[in-house]
């Protein structure tokens, strides 16, 4: 697989994990877990990865505020960085934040636009 195709696959994989974490965030908000550590799924591009990282809702929301930022378990940022699809912007004890760049960043922005914002009543239903 060439570099461009690899970066595209990585961007799509990570956006899929992002979608799952959005649901986790909504459930945690509904349970009022503010200030508590919440398990989120690693947003790395590794096939079959289901490792968890713990973050507060505020920490997750800080990452989520920028559609090109993704959180991965420590060590799982390597595929994105080595392929040229991302660069590390923050390192924490349980997770690393990477910024998607180039075509991967554009895909992340496009995928974020596909996710509808939920209003308060829709959040209550989850």
N, C-alpha and C. Protein backbone atom coordinates (compact mmCIF):
# COMPACT_ATOMS: atom_id res chain seq x y z
N UNK A 1 0.86 -1.18 0.00
CA UNK A 1 0.00 0.00 0.00
C UNK A 1 0.90 1.23 0.00
N UNK A 2 0.64 2.15 -0.92
CA UNK A 2 1.49 3.33 -0.99
C UNK A 2 1.20 4.28 0.16
N UNK A 3 2.06 5.28 0.32
CA UNK A 3 1.95 6.21 1.44
C UNK A 3 0.63 6.95 1.50
N UNK A 4 0.16 7.43 0.36
CA UNK A 4 -1.09 8.19 0.33
C UNK A 4 -2.27 7.30 0.72
N UNK A 5 -2.33 6.10 0.19
CA UNK A 5 -3.43 5.17 0.51
C UNK A 5 -3.38 4.78 1.99
N UNK A 6 -2.18 4.62 2.50
CA UNK A 6 -2.01 4.29 3.92
C UNK A 6 -2.52 5.43 4.80
N UNK A 7 -2.20 6.66 4.46
CA UNK A 7 -2.66 7.82 5.24
C UNK A 7 -4.18 7.95 5.18
N UNK A 8 -4.77 7.62 4.03
CA UNK A 8 -6.23 7.67 3.90
C UNK A 8 -6.87 6.61 4.79
N UNK A 9 -6.34 5.37 4.77
CA UNK A 9 -6.87 4.30 5.60
C UNK A 9 -6.75 4.66 7.07
N UNK A 10 -5.62 5.20 7.47
CA UNK A 10 -5.39 5.61 8.86
C UNK A 10 -6.43 6.65 9.27
N UNK A 11 -6.67 7.63 8.43
CA UNK A 11 -7.64 8.69 8.77
C UNK A 11 -9.03 8.11 8.95
N UNK A 12 -9.45 7.22 8.06
CA UNK A 12 -10.78 6.62 8.17
C UNK A 12 -10.89 5.75 9.42
N UNK A 13 -9.86 4.95 9.72
CA UNK A 13 -9.89 4.10 10.91
C UNK A 13 -10.01 4.95 12.17
N UNK A 14 -9.22 5.98 12.28
CA UNK A 14 -9.25 6.80 13.48
C UNK A 14 -10.57 7.54 13.63
N UNK A 15 -11.15 7.95 12.54
CA UNK A 15 -12.44 8.63 12.62
C UNK A 15 -13.53 7.67 13.08
N UNK A 16 -13.42 6.40 12.75
CA UNK A 16 -14.39 5.41 13.22
C UNK A 16 -14.32 5.28 14.74
N UNK A 17 -13.11 5.22 15.30
CA UNK A 17 -12.96 5.16 16.75
C UNK A 17 -13.47 6.44 17.39
N UNK A 18 -13.28 7.56 16.74
CA UNK A 18 -13.77 8.83 17.25
C UNK A 18 -15.28 8.78 17.40
N UNK A 19 -15.97 8.20 16.41
CA UNK A 19 -17.43 8.08 16.46
C UNK A 19 -17.86 7.29 17.70
N UNK A 20 -17.17 6.19 17.99
CA UNK A 20 -17.50 5.37 19.16
C UNK A 20 -17.27 6.16 20.45
N UNK A 21 -16.19 6.91 20.51
CA UNK A 21 -15.89 7.71 21.70
C UNK A 21 -16.90 8.82 21.92
N UNK A 22 -17.49 9.31 20.84
CA UNK A 22 -18.55 10.32 20.99
C UNK A 22 -19.71 9.74 21.79
N UNK A 23 -20.05 8.48 21.52
CA UNK A 23 -21.13 7.82 22.26
C UNK A 23 -20.74 7.62 23.73
N UNK A 24 -19.49 7.24 23.96
CA UNK A 24 -19.02 7.08 25.34
C UNK A 24 -19.12 8.42 26.08
N UNK A 25 -18.69 9.48 25.41
CA UNK A 25 -18.75 10.81 26.03
C UNK A 25 -20.19 11.18 26.39
N UNK A 26 -21.11 10.94 25.49
CA UNK A 26 -22.51 11.28 25.76
C UNK A 26 -23.06 10.49 26.95
N UNK A 27 -22.72 9.21 27.03
CA UNK A 27 -23.16 8.39 28.16
C UNK A 27 -22.56 8.89 29.46
N UNK A 28 -21.28 9.24 29.45
CA UNK A 28 -20.61 9.74 30.65
C UNK A 28 -21.21 11.06 31.10
N UNK A 29 -21.56 11.91 30.14
CA UNK A 29 -22.21 13.18 30.48
C UNK A 29 -23.57 12.93 31.12
N UNK A 30 -24.31 11.99 30.57
CA UNK A 30 -25.63 11.66 31.11
C UNK A 30 -25.51 11.14 32.55
N UNK A 31 -24.43 10.40 32.83
CA UNK A 31 -24.21 9.87 34.18
C UNK A 31 -23.49 10.88 35.07
N UNK A 32 -23.24 12.08 34.54
CA UNK A 32 -22.60 13.18 35.27
C UNK A 32 -21.24 12.76 35.86
N UNK A 33 -20.41 12.19 35.03
CA UNK A 33 -19.09 11.74 35.46
C UNK A 33 -18.02 12.82 35.31
N UNK A 34 -18.41 14.06 35.48
CA UNK A 34 -17.46 15.17 35.37
C UNK A 34 -16.41 15.05 36.46
N UNK A 35 -15.14 15.20 36.08
CA UNK A 35 -14.04 15.11 37.03
C UNK A 35 -13.55 13.69 37.25
N UNK A 36 -14.31 12.70 36.82
CA UNK A 36 -13.92 11.30 36.96
C UNK A 36 -13.16 10.85 35.71
N UNK A 37 -12.34 9.82 35.88
CA UNK A 37 -11.68 9.23 34.72
C UNK A 37 -12.67 8.32 34.01
N UNK A 38 -12.80 8.51 32.72
CA UNK A 38 -13.73 7.76 31.89
C UNK A 38 -12.91 6.95 30.89
N UNK A 39 -13.26 5.66 30.67
CA UNK A 39 -12.51 4.87 29.68
C UNK A 39 -12.96 5.21 28.26
N UNK A 40 -12.01 5.65 27.45
CA UNK A 40 -12.26 5.91 26.04
C UNK A 40 -11.44 4.91 25.22
N UNK A 41 -11.91 4.61 24.03
CA UNK A 41 -11.23 3.67 23.14
C UNK A 41 -10.07 4.40 22.45
N UNK A 42 -8.94 3.72 22.38
CA UNK A 42 -7.79 4.27 21.67
C UNK A 42 -8.19 4.62 20.25
N UNK A 43 -7.84 5.82 19.80
CA UNK A 43 -8.20 6.29 18.47
C UNK A 43 -7.07 6.08 17.46
N UNK A 44 -6.28 5.03 17.67
CA UNK A 44 -5.17 4.74 16.76
C UNK A 44 -5.66 3.97 15.54
N UNK A 45 -4.83 3.87 14.49
CA UNK A 45 -5.25 3.17 13.28
C UNK A 45 -4.97 1.67 13.28
N UNK A 46 -4.49 1.11 14.39
CA UNK A 46 -4.16 -0.32 14.42
C UNK A 46 -5.43 -1.16 14.27
N UNK A 47 -5.41 -2.07 13.33
CA UNK A 47 -6.56 -2.96 13.16
C UNK A 47 -6.73 -3.80 14.41
N UNK A 48 -7.94 -3.90 14.89
CA UNK A 48 -8.24 -4.73 16.04
C UNK A 48 -7.90 -4.13 17.39
N UNK A 49 -7.38 -2.90 17.42
CA UNK A 49 -7.04 -2.29 18.70
C UNK A 49 -8.34 -1.96 19.44
N UNK A 50 -8.39 -2.38 20.68
CA UNK A 50 -9.54 -2.04 21.52
C UNK A 50 -9.06 -1.62 22.91
N UNK A 51 -7.81 -1.15 22.97
CA UNK A 51 -7.25 -0.73 24.25
C UNK A 51 -7.95 0.53 24.73
N UNK A 52 -8.01 0.64 26.05
CA UNK A 52 -8.68 1.78 26.66
C UNK A 52 -7.67 2.73 27.27
N UNK A 53 -8.02 4.00 27.24
CA UNK A 53 -7.24 5.03 27.93
C UNK A 53 -8.23 5.80 28.78
N UNK A 54 -7.81 6.24 29.91
CA UNK A 54 -8.70 6.96 30.81
C UNK A 54 -8.40 8.45 30.77
N UNK A 55 -9.49 9.21 30.59
CA UNK A 55 -9.39 10.66 30.51
C UNK A 55 -10.61 11.24 31.20
N UNK A 56 -10.49 12.47 31.67
CA UNK A 56 -11.68 13.15 32.17
C UNK A 56 -12.48 13.63 30.96
N UNK A 57 -13.73 13.97 31.18
CA UNK A 57 -14.54 14.53 30.10
C UNK A 57 -13.92 15.82 29.56
N UNK A 58 -13.39 16.65 30.46
CA UNK A 58 -12.75 17.89 30.02
C UNK A 58 -11.56 17.61 29.12
N UNK A 59 -10.76 16.61 29.48
CA UNK A 59 -9.60 16.26 28.64
C UNK A 59 -10.05 15.77 27.27
N UNK A 60 -11.07 14.90 27.26
CA UNK A 60 -11.56 14.40 25.97
C UNK A 60 -12.14 15.53 25.13
N UNK A 61 -12.91 16.40 25.76
CA UNK A 61 -13.52 17.51 25.03
C UNK A 61 -12.47 18.46 24.47
N UNK A 62 -11.34 18.62 25.17
CA UNK A 62 -10.26 19.46 24.66
C UNK A 62 -9.67 18.87 23.38
N UNK A 63 -9.55 17.54 23.34
CA UNK A 63 -9.07 16.88 22.13
C UNK A 63 -10.13 17.00 21.04
N UNK A 64 -11.35 16.73 21.39
CA UNK A 64 -12.45 16.70 20.42
C UNK A 64 -12.76 18.08 19.84
N UNK A 65 -12.37 19.14 20.53
CA UNK A 65 -12.65 20.50 20.06
C UNK A 65 -12.03 20.79 18.70
N UNK A 66 -10.98 20.08 18.36
CA UNK A 66 -10.30 20.23 17.06
C UNK A 66 -10.44 18.91 16.32
N UNK A 67 -11.12 18.91 15.19
CA UNK A 67 -11.40 17.67 14.47
C UNK A 67 -10.15 16.96 13.95
N UNK A 68 -9.01 17.62 13.97
CA UNK A 68 -7.78 16.97 13.51
C UNK A 68 -6.99 16.34 14.65
N UNK A 69 -7.46 16.50 15.90
CA UNK A 69 -6.76 15.91 17.04
C UNK A 69 -7.38 14.57 17.41
N UNK A 70 -6.52 13.61 17.75
CA UNK A 70 -6.95 12.28 18.15
C UNK A 70 -6.13 11.82 19.34
N UNK A 71 -6.75 11.08 20.25
CA UNK A 71 -6.06 10.55 21.43
C UNK A 71 -5.79 9.06 21.22
N UNK A 72 -4.56 8.66 21.53
CA UNK A 72 -4.18 7.25 21.42
C UNK A 72 -3.53 6.80 22.72
N UNK A 73 -3.57 5.49 22.96
CA UNK A 73 -2.83 4.91 24.07
C UNK A 73 -1.34 5.19 23.82
N UNK A 74 -0.59 5.41 24.86
CA UNK A 74 0.85 5.66 24.72
C UNK A 74 1.49 4.53 23.90
N UNK A 75 2.23 4.91 22.87
CA UNK A 75 2.89 3.94 22.00
C UNK A 75 2.12 3.66 20.72
N UNK A 76 0.83 3.94 20.71
CA UNK A 76 0.01 3.67 19.53
C UNK A 76 0.00 4.80 18.52
N UNK A 77 0.71 5.87 18.80
CA UNK A 77 0.80 6.98 17.86
C UNK A 77 1.79 6.68 16.74
N UNK A 78 2.58 5.62 16.90
CA UNK A 78 3.68 5.34 15.98
C UNK A 78 3.26 5.17 14.53
N UNK A 79 2.20 4.42 14.24
CA UNK A 79 1.79 4.20 12.85
C UNK A 79 1.42 5.50 12.16
N UNK A 80 0.67 6.33 12.84
CA UNK A 80 0.25 7.60 12.24
C UNK A 80 1.45 8.51 11.99
N UNK A 81 2.34 8.59 12.97
CA UNK A 81 3.50 9.47 12.86
C UNK A 81 4.47 8.96 11.80
N UNK A 82 4.78 7.65 11.83
CA UNK A 82 5.74 7.08 10.87
C UNK A 82 5.25 7.16 9.44
N UNK A 83 3.94 7.11 9.23
CA UNK A 83 3.39 7.17 7.87
C UNK A 83 3.30 8.60 7.35
N UNK A 84 3.50 9.57 8.24
CA UNK A 84 3.38 10.97 7.84
C UNK A 84 1.96 11.49 7.91
N UNK A 85 1.05 10.71 8.55
CA UNK A 85 -0.35 11.12 8.65
C UNK A 85 -0.61 12.02 9.86
N UNK A 86 0.35 12.06 10.80
CA UNK A 86 0.12 12.84 12.03
C UNK A 86 1.44 13.21 12.67
N UNK A 87 1.32 14.14 13.63
CA UNK A 87 2.46 14.48 14.47
C UNK A 87 1.97 14.58 15.91
N UNK A 88 2.83 14.27 16.85
CA UNK A 88 2.48 14.33 18.27
C UNK A 88 2.42 15.78 18.70
N UNK A 89 1.33 16.15 19.42
CA UNK A 89 1.21 17.52 19.93
C UNK A 89 1.16 17.57 21.46
N UNK A 90 0.78 16.45 22.11
CA UNK A 90 0.76 16.38 23.57
C UNK A 90 1.05 14.96 24.00
N UNK A 91 1.75 14.83 25.14
CA UNK A 91 1.99 13.51 25.73
C UNK A 91 1.55 13.55 27.19
N UNK A 92 0.75 12.56 27.57
CA UNK A 92 0.25 12.43 28.93
C UNK A 92 0.59 11.04 29.44
N UNK A 93 0.32 10.80 30.71
CA UNK A 93 0.65 9.50 31.29
C UNK A 93 -0.09 8.35 30.61
N UNK A 94 -1.38 8.52 30.34
CA UNK A 94 -2.19 7.43 29.77
C UNK A 94 -2.47 7.56 28.28
N UNK A 95 -2.22 8.73 27.72
CA UNK A 95 -2.55 8.92 26.31
C UNK A 95 -1.64 9.95 25.66
N UNK A 96 -1.64 9.90 24.32
CA UNK A 96 -0.88 10.84 23.49
C UNK A 96 -1.87 11.47 22.52
N UNK A 97 -1.73 12.76 22.30
CA UNK A 97 -2.60 13.46 21.34
C UNK A 97 -1.80 13.70 20.07
N UNK A 98 -2.38 13.28 18.94
CA UNK A 98 -1.76 13.52 17.64
C UNK A 98 -2.65 14.43 16.81
N UNK A 99 -2.01 15.20 15.93
CA UNK A 99 -2.75 16.05 14.99
C UNK A 99 -2.59 15.43 13.61
N UNK A 100 -3.71 15.16 12.95
CA UNK A 100 -3.71 14.66 11.59
C UNK A 100 -3.25 15.78 10.67
N UNK A 101 -2.42 15.44 9.72
CA UNK A 101 -1.89 16.43 8.79
C UNK A 101 -2.08 15.94 7.35
N UNK A 102 -1.99 16.85 6.42
CA UNK A 102 -2.12 16.48 5.01
C UNK A 102 -3.48 15.89 4.71
N UNK A 103 -3.50 14.86 3.85
CA UNK A 103 -4.76 14.24 3.45
C UNK A 103 -5.49 13.65 4.65
N UNK A 104 -4.76 13.13 5.63
CA UNK A 104 -5.40 12.57 6.83
C UNK A 104 -6.14 13.67 7.60
N UNK A 105 -5.55 14.84 7.68
CA UNK A 105 -6.21 15.96 8.34
C UNK A 105 -7.45 16.41 7.61
N UNK A 106 -7.38 16.42 6.27
CA UNK A 106 -8.56 16.80 5.48
C UNK A 106 -9.69 15.80 5.65
N UNK A 107 -9.36 14.52 5.69
CA UNK A 107 -10.39 13.49 5.89
C UNK A 107 -11.01 13.64 7.28
N UNK A 108 -10.19 13.89 8.28
CA UNK A 108 -10.71 14.07 9.64
C UNK A 108 -11.67 15.25 9.69
N UNK A 109 -11.33 16.34 9.02
CA UNK A 109 -12.21 17.52 8.98
C UNK A 109 -13.52 17.18 8.26
N UNK A 110 -13.41 16.46 7.13
CA UNK A 110 -14.61 16.09 6.38
C UNK A 110 -15.51 15.16 7.19
N UNK A 111 -14.89 14.18 7.86
CA UNK A 111 -15.69 13.23 8.66
C UNK A 111 -16.35 13.94 9.83
N UNK A 112 -15.68 14.92 10.42
CA UNK A 112 -16.27 15.66 11.53
C UNK A 112 -17.50 16.42 11.06
N UNK A 113 -17.47 16.90 9.84
CA UNK A 113 -18.62 17.60 9.29
C UNK A 113 -19.81 16.67 9.04
N UNK A 114 -19.53 15.36 8.94
CA UNK A 114 -20.59 14.38 8.74
C UNK A 114 -21.33 14.04 10.03
N UNK A 115 -20.73 14.39 11.18
CA UNK A 115 -21.34 14.06 12.46
C UNK A 115 -22.28 15.18 12.87
N UNK A 116 -23.57 14.89 12.96
CA UNK A 116 -24.50 15.95 13.36
C UNK A 116 -24.34 16.28 14.83
N UNK A 117 -24.48 17.55 15.15
CA UNK A 117 -24.46 17.97 16.55
C UNK A 117 -25.81 17.61 17.17
N UNK A 118 -25.78 17.05 18.36
CA UNK A 118 -27.01 16.70 19.06
C UNK A 118 -27.43 17.85 19.95
N UNK A 119 -28.73 18.16 19.93
CA UNK A 119 -29.21 19.18 20.86
C UNK A 119 -29.45 18.52 22.21
N UNK A 120 -29.79 19.31 23.21
CA UNK A 120 -29.93 18.80 24.58
C UNK A 120 -30.98 17.70 24.69
N UNK A 121 -32.10 17.81 24.00
CA UNK A 121 -33.14 16.77 24.08
C UNK A 121 -32.66 15.45 23.49
N UNK A 122 -31.88 15.52 22.41
CA UNK A 122 -31.33 14.30 21.82
C UNK A 122 -30.30 13.65 22.75
N UNK A 123 -29.51 14.47 23.45
CA UNK A 123 -28.54 13.94 24.40
C UNK A 123 -29.26 13.23 25.55
N UNK A 124 -30.40 13.75 25.97
CA UNK A 124 -31.17 13.16 27.05
C UNK A 124 -31.68 11.77 26.68
N UNK A 125 -31.96 11.56 25.41
CA UNK A 125 -32.50 10.28 24.94
C UNK A 125 -31.46 9.17 24.95
N UNK A 126 -30.19 9.50 24.90
CA UNK A 126 -29.14 8.48 24.86
C UNK A 126 -28.91 7.84 26.21
